[in-house]
């Protein structure tokens, strides 16, 4: 019995669908294998070493300055933008529209 073009088209669609489904199953399986392998590697690896704290050590006076995060008080630079303007004659912290009484 000869197949009609409609039957051939239906068979081709089923084949494409099954091929796509098989591809998705293979990709999910491969991803599962990779994830399981990564979990096993994490479980086998030793935990990171934590440095011990020496209780007899002298604590620094400026721990942030030693780390370079904050300058020590004797090294604190004077920022010129924060200096008051020497030519300023009246306070500028008030609204110019409001007259003092």
C-alpha atoms as a PDB file:
ATOM      1  CA  UNK A   1       0.000   0.000   0.000  1.00  0.00           C
ATOM      2  CA  UNK A   2       1.420   3.340  -1.046  1.00  0.00           C
ATOM      3  CA  UNK A   3       1.669   6.119   1.487  1.00  0.00           C
ATOM      4  CA  UNK A   4      -0.016   9.389   0.732  1.00  0.00           C
ATOM      5  CA  UNK A   5       1.843  12.703   1.098  1.00  0.00           C
ATOM      6  CA  UNK A   6      -0.284  13.486   4.132  1.00  0.00           C
ATOM      7  CA  UNK A   7       0.836  10.284   5.883  1.00  0.00           C
ATOM      8  CA  UNK A   8       4.463  10.981   4.979  1.00  0.00           C
ATOM      9  CA  UNK A   9       4.201  14.489   6.426  1.00  0.00           C
ATOM     10  CA  UNK A  10       2.670  13.137   9.641  1.00  0.00           C
ATOM     11  CA  UNK A  11       5.389  10.500   9.964  1.00  0.00           C
ATOM     12  CA  UNK A  12       8.073  13.127   9.384  1.00  0.00           C
ATOM     13  CA  UNK A  13       6.578  15.367  12.128  1.00  0.00           C
ATOM     14  CA  UNK A  14       6.545  12.462  14.586  1.00  0.00           C
ATOM     15  CA  UNK A  15      10.177  11.654  13.769  1.00  0.00           C
ATOM     16  CA  UNK A  16      11.222  15.301  14.264  1.00  0.00           C
ATOM     17  CA  UNK A  17       9.315  15.476  17.549  1.00  0.00           C
ATOM     18  CA  UNK A  18      10.877  12.283  18.880  1.00  0.00           C
ATOM     19  CA  UNK A  19      14.344  13.437  17.809  1.00  0.00           C
ATOM     20  CA  UNK A  20      13.843  16.739  19.625  1.00  0.00           C
ATOM     21  CA  UNK A  21      12.572  14.969  22.727  1.00  0.00           C
ATOM     22  CA  UNK A  22      15.581  12.629  22.706  1.00  0.00           C
ATOM     23  CA  UNK A  23      17.904  15.642  22.370  1.00  0.00           C
ATOM     24  CA  UNK A  24      16.318  17.371  25.355  1.00  0.00           C
ATOM     25  CA  UNK A  25      16.582  14.185  27.450  1.00  0.00           C
ATOM     26  CA  UNK A  26      20.257  13.865  26.530  1.00  0.00           C
ATOM     27  CA  UNK A  27      20.962  17.505  27.427  1.00  0.00           C
ATOM     28  CA  UNK A  28      19.204  17.187  30.794  1.00  0.00           C
ATOM     29  CA  UNK A  29      21.121  13.981  31.528  1.00  0.00           C
ATOM     30  CA  UNK A  30      24.433  15.597  30.629  1.00  0.00           C
ATOM     31  CA  UNK A  31      23.663  18.618  32.829  1.00  0.00           C
ATOM     32  CA  UNK A  32      22.747  16.276  35.699  1.00  0.00           C
ATOM     33  CA  UNK A  33      26.063  14.425  35.344  1.00  0.00           C
ATOM     34  CA  UNK A  34      28.022  17.701  35.379  1.00  0.00           C
ATOM     35  CA  UNK A  35      26.171  18.980  38.448  1.00  0.00           C
ATOM     36  CA  UNK A  36      26.659  15.687  40.322  1.00  0.00           C
ATOM     37  CA  UNK A  37      30.380  15.721  39.480  1.00  0.00           C
ATOM     38  CA  UNK A  38      30.693  19.299  40.768  1.00  0.00           C
ATOM     39  CA  UNK A  39      28.937  18.333  44.026  1.00  0.00           C
ATOM     40  CA  UNK A  40      31.265  15.361  44.511  1.00  0.00           C
ATOM     41  CA  UNK A  41      34.307  17.562  43.910  1.00  0.00           C
ATOM     42  CA  UNK A  42      33.037  20.039  46.523  1.00  0.00           C
ATOM     43  CA  UNK A  43      32.455  17.257  49.054  1.00  0.00           C
ATOM     44  CA  UNK A  44      35.941  15.799  48.522  1.00  0.00           C
ATOM     45  CA  UNK A  45      37.772  19.125  48.769  1.00  0.00           C
ATOM     46  CA  UNK A  46      38.896  20.026  52.284  1.00  0.00           C
ATOM     47  CA  UNK A  47      37.344  23.108  53.862  1.00  0.00           C
ATOM     48  CA  UNK A  48      39.380  26.291  53.476  1.00  0.00           C
ATOM     49  CA  UNK A  49      41.927  26.911  56.177  1.00  0.00           C
ATOM     50  CA  UNK A  50      40.907  29.531  58.695  1.00  0.00           C
ATOM     51  CA  UNK A  51      43.775  31.497  60.237  1.00  0.00           C
ATOM     52  CA  UNK A  52      43.985  31.164  63.969  1.00  0.00           C
ATOM     53  CA  UNK A  53      43.898  34.225  66.171  1.00  0.00           C
ATOM     54  CA  UNK A  54      46.842  34.774  68.475  1.00  0.00           C
ATOM     55  CA  UNK A  55      45.343  35.898  71.776  1.00  0.00           C
ATOM     56  CA  UNK A  56      48.707  37.178  73.009  1.00  0.00           C
ATOM     57  CA  UNK A  57      49.188  39.483  70.048  1.00  0.00           C
ATOM     58  CA  UNK A  58      49.027  43.219  70.672  1.00  0.00           C
ATOM     59  CA  UNK A  59      46.075  44.777  68.943  1.00  0.00           C
ATOM     60  CA  UNK A  60      47.005  47.686  66.700  1.00  0.00           C
ATOM     61  CA  UNK A  61      45.926  51.170  67.628  1.00  0.00           C
ATOM     62  CA  UNK A  62      44.663  51.908  64.142  1.00  0.00           C
ATOM     63  CA  UNK A  63      43.626  48.622  62.504  1.00  0.00           C
ATOM     64  CA  UNK A  64      41.992  50.355  59.543  1.00  0.00           C
ATOM     65  CA  UNK A  65      45.070  52.487  58.991  1.00  0.00           C
ATOM     66  CA  UNK A  66      47.243  49.373  58.953  1.00  0.00           C
ATOM     67  CA  UNK A  67      45.010  47.874  56.294  1.00  0.00           C
ATOM     68  CA  UNK A  68      45.226  51.093  54.298  1.00  0.00           C
ATOM     69  CA  UNK A  69      41.504  51.750  54.513  1.00  0.00           C
ATOM     70  CA  UNK A  70      41.594  54.881  56.627  1.00  0.00           C
ATOM     71  CA  UNK A  71      44.562  57.186  57.118  1.00  0.00           C
ATOM     72  CA  UNK A  72      46.010  57.432  60.588  1.00  0.00           C
ATOM     73  CA  UNK A  73      45.267  60.728  62.400  1.00  0.00           C
ATOM     74  CA  UNK A  74      48.821  62.022  61.984  1.00  0.00           C
ATOM     75  CA  UNK A  75      48.686  61.294  58.260  1.00  0.00           C
ATOM     76  CA  UNK A  76      45.264  62.789  57.640  1.00  0.00           C
ATOM     77  CA  UNK A  77      45.581  65.271  54.792  1.00  0.00           C
ATOM     78  CA  UNK A  78      43.807  68.595  54.855  1.00  0.00           C
ATOM     79  CA  UNK A  79      41.414  68.783  51.970  1.00  0.00           C
ATOM     80  CA  UNK A  80      41.462  72.316  50.539  1.00  0.00           C
ATOM     81  CA  UNK A  81      37.817  72.091  49.437  1.00  0.00           C
ATOM     82  CA  UNK A  82      36.753  71.751  53.051  1.00  0.00           C
ATOM     83  CA  UNK A  83      38.573  74.892  54.174  1.00  0.00           C
ATOM     84  CA  UNK A  84      36.343  77.955  54.656  1.00  0.00           C
ATOM     85  CA  UNK A  85      36.535  80.521  51.910  1.00  0.00           C
ATOM     86  CA  UNK A  86      38.722  83.414  53.182  1.00  0.00           C
ATOM     87  CA  UNK A  87      36.789  85.897  51.020  1.00  0.00           C
ATOM     88  CA  UNK A  88      33.405  84.937  52.439  1.00  0.00           C
ATOM     89  CA  UNK A  89      31.855  87.959  54.163  1.00  0.00           C
ATOM     90  CA  UNK A  90      28.469  86.642  55.300  1.00  0.00           C
ATOM     91  CA  UNK A  91      27.102  83.219  56.257  1.00  0.00           C
ATOM     92  CA  UNK A  92      25.744  81.182  53.385  1.00  0.00           C
ATOM     93  CA  UNK A  93      23.718  78.716  55.447  1.00  0.00           C
ATOM     94  CA  UNK A  94      20.594  80.877  55.375  1.00  0.00           C
ATOM     95  CA  UNK A  95      18.059  81.516  52.640  1.00  0.00           C
ATOM     96  CA  UNK A  96      18.976  84.816  50.881  1.00  0.00           C
ATOM     97  CA  UNK A  97      15.279  85.723  50.514  1.00  0.00           C
ATOM     98  CA  UNK A  98      14.638  85.773  54.269  1.00  0.00           C
ATOM     99  CA  UNK A  99      15.727  88.991  55.980  1.00  0.00           C
ATOM    100  CA  UNK A 100      16.920  88.711  59.584  1.00  0.00           C
ATOM    101  CA  UNK A 101      14.876  90.724  62.121  1.00  0.00           C
END
